[in-house]
Amino acid sequence: MTADRAGTASALINVARMVGATIGVALLGAIFAFLGEAETAFIVAMSAGGSAQLLGSFIAWCLL
């Protein structure tokens, strides 16, 4: 990456991060709303989010 393109690369990484966070919050909110009962829905939504993070960490570790 050349120095004159570093700002563009940084912006693209930030946009990808923000889009991923937005989609993640929307999916977890949809799971929560779909299940209805607050306590069960919270546990399932947080378990799904935690599982996705662990899977992403494992994939990143394997690709190093």
PDB file of N, CA and C in Angstrom:
ATOM      1  N   MET A   1       0.844  -1.165   0.000  1.00  0.00           N
ATOM      2  CA  MET A   1       0.000   0.000   0.000  1.00  0.00           C
ATOM      3  C   MET A   1       0.894   1.234   0.000  1.00  0.00           C
ATOM      4  N   THR A   2       0.683   2.083  -0.959  1.00  0.00           N
ATOM      5  CA  THR A   2       1.463   3.315  -1.017  1.00  0.00           C
ATOM      6  C   THR A   2       0.888   4.328  -0.037  1.00  0.00           C
ATOM      7  N   ALA A   3       1.715   5.263   0.362  1.00  0.00           N
ATOM      8  CA  ALA A   3       1.315   6.248   1.356  1.00  0.00           C
ATOM      9  C   ALA A   3       0.153   7.116   0.880  1.00  0.00           C
ATOM     10  N   ASP A   4       0.076   7.392  -0.420  1.00  0.00           N
ATOM     11  CA  ASP A   4      -1.004   8.253  -0.908  1.00  0.00           C
ATOM     12  C   ASP A   4      -2.363   7.543  -0.916  1.00  0.00           C
ATOM     13  N   ARG A   5      -2.388   6.216  -0.778  1.00  0.00           N
ATOM     14  CA  ARG A   5      -3.643   5.451  -0.742  1.00  0.00           C
ATOM     15  C   ARG A   5      -4.002   4.963   0.660  1.00  0.00           C
ATOM     16  N   ALA A   6      -3.191   5.300   1.651  1.00  0.00           N
ATOM     17  CA  ALA A   6      -3.417   4.806   3.010  1.00  0.00           C
ATOM     18  C   ALA A   6      -4.736   5.311   3.588  1.00  0.00           C
ATOM     19  N   GLY A   7      -5.094   6.538   3.297  1.00  0.00           N
ATOM     20  CA  GLY A   7      -6.362   7.088   3.799  1.00  0.00           C
ATOM     21  C   GLY A   7      -7.561   6.360   3.227  1.00  0.00           C
ATOM     22  N   THR A   8      -7.504   6.025   1.953  1.00  0.00           N
ATOM     23  CA  THR A   8      -8.588   5.283   1.313  1.00  0.00           C
ATOM     24  C   THR A   8      -8.708   3.886   1.908  1.00  0.00           C
ATOM     25  N   ALA A   9      -7.588   3.223   2.131  1.00  0.00           N
ATOM     26  CA  ALA A   9      -7.610   1.882   2.722  1.00  0.00           C
ATOM     27  C   ALA A   9      -8.181   1.925   4.134  1.00  0.00           C
ATOM     28  N   SER A  10      -7.790   2.914   4.898  1.00  0.00           N
ATOM     29  CA  SER A  10      -8.298   3.058   6.253  1.00  0.00           C
ATOM     30  C   SER A  10      -9.814   3.277   6.251  1.00  0.00           C
ATOM     31  N   ALA A  11     -10.292   4.109   5.342  1.00  0.00           N
ATOM     32  CA  ALA A  11     -11.730   4.372   5.246  1.00  0.00           C
ATOM     33  C   ALA A  11     -12.500   3.117   4.864  1.00  0.00           C
ATOM     34  N   LEU A  12     -11.966   2.330   3.951  1.00  0.00           N
ATOM     35  CA  LEU A  12     -12.639   1.093   3.550  1.00  0.00           C
ATOM     36  C   LEU A  12     -12.729   0.095   4.695  1.00  0.00           C
ATOM     37  N   ILE A  13     -11.666   0.001   5.479  1.00  0.00           N
ATOM     38  CA  ILE A  13     -11.691  -0.897   6.638  1.00  0.00           C
ATOM     39  C   ILE A  13     -12.727  -0.420   7.646  1.00  0.00           C
ATOM     40  N   ASN A  14     -12.794   0.876   7.892  1.00  0.00           N
ATOM     41  CA  ASN A  14     -13.775   1.409   8.837  1.00  0.00           C
ATOM     42  C   ASN A  14     -15.200   1.189   8.348  1.00  0.00           C
ATOM     43  N   VAL A  15     -15.439   1.372   7.056  1.00  0.00           N
ATOM     44  CA  VAL A  15     -16.777   1.150   6.507  1.00  0.00           C
ATOM     45  C   VAL A  15     -17.170  -0.324   6.641  1.00  0.00           C
ATOM     46  N   ALA A  16     -16.261  -1.226   6.341  1.00  0.00           N
ATOM     47  CA  ALA A  16     -16.550  -2.657   6.463  1.00  0.00           C
ATOM     48  C   ALA A  16     -16.862  -3.027   7.913  1.00  0.00           C
ATOM     49  N   ARG A  17     -16.123  -2.445   8.837  1.00  0.00           N
ATOM     50  CA  ARG A  17     -16.356  -2.714  10.261  1.00  0.00           C
ATOM     51  C   ARG A  17     -17.725  -2.214  10.705  1.00  0.00           C
ATOM     52  N   MET A  18     -18.091  -1.020  10.271  1.00  0.00           N
ATOM     53  CA  MET A  18     -19.379  -0.438  10.653  1.00  0.00           C
ATOM     54  C   MET A  18     -20.551  -1.199  10.026  1.00  0.00           C
ATOM     55  N   VAL A  19     -20.399  -1.612   8.777  1.00  0.00           N
ATOM     56  CA  VAL A  19     -21.452  -2.392   8.126  1.00  0.00           C
ATOM     57  C   VAL A  19     -21.622  -3.731   8.843  1.00  0.00           C
ATOM     58  N   GLY A  20     -20.527  -4.375   9.185  1.00  0.00           N
ATOM     59  CA  GLY A  20     -20.602  -5.638   9.910  1.00  0.00           C
ATOM     60  C   GLY A  20     -21.283  -5.489  11.261  1.00  0.00           C
ATOM     61  N   ALA A  21     -20.957  -4.428  11.982  1.00  0.00           N
ATOM     62  CA  ALA A  21     -21.590  -4.189  13.279  1.00  0.00           C
ATOM     63  C   ALA A  21     -23.084  -3.926  13.123  1.00  0.00           C
ATOM     64  N   THR A  22     -23.456  -3.165  12.106  1.00  0.00           N
ATOM     65  CA  THR A  22     -24.864  -2.858  11.870  1.00  0.00           C
ATOM     66  C   THR A  22     -25.653  -4.118  11.526  1.00  0.00           C
ATOM     67  N   ILE A  23     -25.098  -4.939  10.659  1.00  0.00           N
ATOM     68  CA  ILE A  23     -25.777  -6.188  10.295  1.00  0.00           C
ATOM     69  C   ILE A  23     -25.866  -7.121  11.509  1.00  0.00           C
ATOM     70  N   GLY A  24     -24.817  -7.184  12.300  1.00  0.00           N
ATOM     71  CA  GLY A  24     -24.831  -8.025  13.495  1.00  0.00           C
ATOM     72  C   GLY A  24     -25.899  -7.610  14.486  1.00  0.00           C
ATOM     73  N   VAL A  25     -26.010  -6.304  14.743  1.00  0.00           N
ATOM     74  CA  VAL A  25     -27.031  -5.809  15.666  1.00  0.00           C
ATOM     75  C   VAL A  25     -28.428  -6.089  15.117  1.00  0.00           C
ATOM     76  N   ALA A  26     -28.603  -5.915  13.815  1.00  0.00           N
ATOM     77  CA  ALA A  26     -29.910  -6.180  13.213  1.00  0.00           C
ATOM     78  C   ALA A  26     -30.288  -7.655  13.323  1.00  0.00           C
ATOM     79  N   LEU A  27     -29.334  -8.547  13.075  1.00  0.00           N
ATOM     80  CA  LEU A  27     -29.622  -9.983  13.172  1.00  0.00           C
ATOM     81  C   LEU A  27     -29.930 -10.405  14.607  1.00  0.00           C
ATOM     82  N   LEU A  28     -29.160  -9.917  15.555  1.00  0.00           N
ATOM     83  CA  LEU A  28     -29.424 -10.262  16.943  1.00  0.00           C
ATOM     84  C   LEU A  28     -30.758  -9.686  17.418  1.00  0.00           C
ATOM     85  N   GLY A  29     -31.096  -8.488  16.960  1.00  0.00           N
ATOM     86  CA  GLY A  29     -32.404  -7.901  17.274  1.00  0.00           C
ATOM     87  C   GLY A  29     -33.543  -8.695  16.667  1.00  0.00           C
ATOM     88  N   ALA A  30     -33.339  -9.199  15.456  1.00  0.00           N
ATOM     89  CA  ALA A  30     -34.368 -10.016  14.804  1.00  0.00           C
ATOM     90  C   ALA A  30     -34.569 -11.327  15.549  1.00  0.00           C
ATOM     91  N   ILE A  31     -33.486 -11.942  15.994  1.00  0.00           N
ATOM     92  CA  ILE A  31     -33.606 -13.178  16.782  1.00  0.00           C
ATOM     93  C   ILE A  31     -34.363 -12.890  18.074  1.00  0.00           C
ATOM     94  N   PHE A  32     -34.010 -11.807  18.737  1.00  0.00           N
ATOM     95  CA  PHE A  32     -34.662 -11.431  19.991  1.00  0.00           C
ATOM     96  C   PHE A  32     -36.150 -11.194  19.782  1.00  0.00           C
ATOM     97  N   ALA A  33     -36.508 -10.469  18.720  1.00  0.00           N
ATOM     98  CA  ALA A  33     -37.918 -10.169  18.457  1.00  0.00           C
ATOM     99  C   ALA A  33     -38.691 -11.415  18.036  1.00  0.00           C
ATOM    100  N   PHE A  34     -38.059 -12.306  17.301  1.00  0.00           N
ATOM    101  CA  PHE A  34     -38.734 -13.503  16.807  1.00  0.00           C
ATOM    102  C   PHE A  34     -39.121 -14.441  17.943  1.00  0.00           C
ATOM    103  N   LEU A  35     -38.254 -14.577  18.943  1.00  0.00           N
ATOM    104  CA  LEU A  35     -38.505 -15.535  20.008  1.00  0.00           C
ATOM    105  C   LEU A  35     -39.533 -15.058  21.020  1.00  0.00           C
ATOM    106  N   GLY A  36     -39.694 -13.775  21.180  1.00  0.00           N
ATOM    107  CA  GLY A  36     -40.761 -13.251  22.020  1.00  0.00           C
ATOM    108  C   GLY A  36     -40.445 -13.165  23.497  1.00  0.00           C
ATOM    109  N   GLU A  37     -40.317 -14.288  24.187  1.00  0.00           N
ATOM    110  CA  GLU A  37     -40.085 -14.268  25.629  1.00  0.00           C
ATOM    111  C   GLU A  37     -38.713 -13.657  25.904  1.00  0.00           C
ATOM    112  N   ALA A  38     -38.684 -12.621  26.722  1.00  0.00           N
ATOM    113  CA  ALA A  38     -37.488 -11.794  26.877  1.00  0.00           C
ATOM    114  C   ALA A  38     -36.265 -12.575  27.371  1.00  0.00           C
ATOM    115  N   GLU A  39     -36.434 -13.362  28.413  1.00  0.00           N
ATOM    116  CA  GLU A  39     -35.268 -14.035  28.995  1.00  0.00           C
ATOM    117  C   GLU A  39     -34.676 -15.065  28.033  1.00  0.00           C
ATOM    118  N   THR A  40     -35.513 -15.892  27.463  1.00  0.00           N
ATOM    119  CA  THR A  40     -35.041 -16.902  26.512  1.00  0.00           C
ATOM    120  C   THR A  40     -34.469 -16.249  25.265  1.00  0.00           C
ATOM    121  N   ALA A  41     -35.148 -15.234  24.758  1.00  0.00           N
ATOM    122  CA  ALA A  41     -34.690 -14.545  23.548  1.00  0.00           C
ATOM    123  C   ALA A  41     -33.323 -13.914  23.769  1.00  0.00           C
ATOM    124  N   PHE A  42     -33.120 -13.326  24.943  1.00  0.00           N
ATOM    125  CA  PHE A  42     -31.834 -12.703  25.241  1.00  0.00           C
ATOM    126  C   PHE A  42     -30.721 -13.749  25.264  1.00  0.00           C
ATOM    127  N   ILE A  43     -30.974 -14.866  25.921  1.00  0.00           N
ATOM    128  CA  ILE A  43     -29.964 -15.923  26.021  1.00  0.00           C
ATOM    129  C   ILE A  43     -29.618 -16.469  24.636  1.00  0.00           C
ATOM    130  N   VAL A  44     -30.622 -16.726  23.815  1.00  0.00           N
ATOM    131  CA  VAL A  44     -30.384 -17.273  22.477  1.00  0.00           C
ATOM    132  C   VAL A  44     -29.640 -16.260  21.608  1.00  0.00           C
ATOM    133  N   ALA A  45     -30.072 -14.986  21.640  1.00  0.00           N
ATOM    134  CA  ALA A  45     -29.429 -13.961  20.811  1.00  0.00           C
ATOM    135  C   ALA A  45     -27.973 -13.758  21.218  1.00  0.00           C
ATOM    136  N   MET A  46     -27.697 -13.709  22.516  1.00  0.00           N
ATOM    137  CA  MET A  46     -26.325 -13.506  22.965  1.00  0.00           C
ATOM    138  C   MET A  46     -25.469 -14.746  22.696  1.00  0.00           C
ATOM    139  N   SER A  47     -26.060 -15.923  22.801  1.00  0.00           N
ATOM    140  CA  SER A  47     -25.327 -17.147  22.474  1.00  0.00           C
ATOM    141  C   SER A  47     -24.970 -17.184  20.990  1.00  0.00           C
ATOM    142  N   ALA A  48     -25.907 -16.758  20.145  1.00  0.00           N
ATOM    143  CA  ALA A  48     -25.639 -16.714  18.707  1.00  0.00           C
ATOM    144  C   ALA A  48     -24.535 -15.703  18.401  1.00  0.00           C
ATOM    145  N   GLY A  49     -24.581 -14.532  19.031  1.00  0.00           N
ATOM    146  CA  GLY A  49     -23.546 -13.527  18.821  1.00  0.00           C
ATOM    147  C   GLY A  49     -22.186 -13.991  19.293  1.00  0.00           C
ATOM    148  N   GLY A  50     -22.138 -14.618  20.470  1.00  0.00           N
ATOM    149  CA  GLY A  50     -20.878 -15.136  20.988  1.00  0.00           C
ATOM    150  C   GLY A  50     -20.312 -16.250  20.118  1.00  0.00           C
ATOM    151  N   SER A  51     -21.193 -17.105  19.618  1.00  0.00           N
ATOM    152  CA  SER A  51     -20.747 -18.187  18.740  1.00  0.00           C
ATOM    153  C   SER A  51     -20.167 -17.638  17.442  1.00  0.00           C
ATOM    154  N   ALA A  52     -20.805 -16.608  16.903  1.00  0.00           N
ATOM    155  CA  ALA A  52     -20.300 -15.991  15.672  1.00  0.00           C
ATOM    156  C   ALA A  52     -18.928 -15.372  15.904  1.00  0.00           C
ATOM    157  N   GLN A  53     -18.731 -14.746  17.057  1.00  0.00           N
ATOM    158  CA  GLN A  53     -17.424 -14.153  17.354  1.00  0.00           C
ATOM    159  C   GLN A  53     -16.354 -15.225  17.532  1.00  0.00           C
ATOM    160  N   LEU A  54     -16.692 -16.307  18.219  1.00  0.00           N
ATOM    161  CA  LEU A  54     -15.724 -17.394  18.382  1.00  0.00           C
ATOM    162  C   LEU A  54     -15.384 -18.032  17.043  1.00  0.00           C
ATOM    163  N   LEU A  55     -16.370 -18.227  16.195  1.00  0.00           N
ATOM    164  CA  LEU A  55     -16.115 -18.797  14.877  1.00  0.00           C
ATOM    165  C   LEU A  55     -15.215 -17.882  14.053  1.00  0.00           C
ATOM    166  N   GLY A  56     -15.486 -16.582  14.089  1.00  0.00           N
ATOM    167  CA  GLY A  56     -14.652 -15.629  13.364  1.00  0.00           C
ATOM    168  C   GLY A  56     -13.226 -15.608  13.885  1.00  0.00           C
ATOM    169  N   SER A  57     -13.067 -15.701  15.191  1.00  0.00           N
ATOM    170  CA  SER A  57     -11.725 -15.738  15.779  1.00  0.00           C
ATOM    171  C   SER A  57     -10.980 -16.999  15.367  1.00  0.00           C
ATOM    172  N   PHE A  58     -11.671 -18.121  15.353  1.00  0.00           N
ATOM    173  CA  PHE A  58     -11.049 -19.380  14.953  1.00  0.00           C
ATOM    174  C   PHE A  58     -10.616 -19.342  13.497  1.00  0.00           C
ATOM    175  N   ILE A  59     -11.478 -18.818  12.638  1.00  0.00           N
ATOM    176  CA  ILE A  59     -11.142 -18.715  11.212  1.00  0.00           C
ATOM    177  C   ILE A  59      -9.938 -17.796  11.016  1.00  0.00           C
ATOM    178  N   ALA A  60      -9.921 -16.656  11.702  1.00  0.00           N
ATOM    179  CA  ALA A  60      -8.788 -15.737  11.588  1.00  0.00           C
ATOM    180  C   ALA A  60      -7.509 -16.391  12.085  1.00  0.00           C
ATOM    181  N   TRP A  61      -7.592 -17.141  13.167  1.00  0.00           N
ATOM    182  CA  TRP A  61      -6.407 -17.822  13.711  1.00  0.00           C
ATOM    183  C   TRP A  61      -5.880 -18.850  12.728  1.00  0.00           C
ATOM    184  N   CYS A  62      -6.785 -19.579  12.070  1.00  0.00           N
ATOM    185  CA  CYS A  62      -6.371 -20.590  11.111  1.00  0.00           C
ATOM    186  C   CYS A  62      -5.724 -19.972   9.863  1.00  0.00           C
ATOM    187  N   LEU A  63      -6.113 -18.771   9.516  1.00  0.00           N
ATOM    188  CA  LEU A  63      -5.578 -18.115   8.330  1.00  0.00           C
ATOM    189  C   LEU A  63      -4.279 -17.368   8.574  1.00  0.00           C
ATOM    190  N   LEU A  64      -3.834 -17.302   9.813  1.00  0.00           N
ATOM    191  CA  LEU A  64      -2.575 -16.603  10.094  1.00  0.00           C
ATOM    192  C   LEU A  64      -1.384 -17.345   9.586  1.00  0.00           C
TER     193      LEU A  64
END
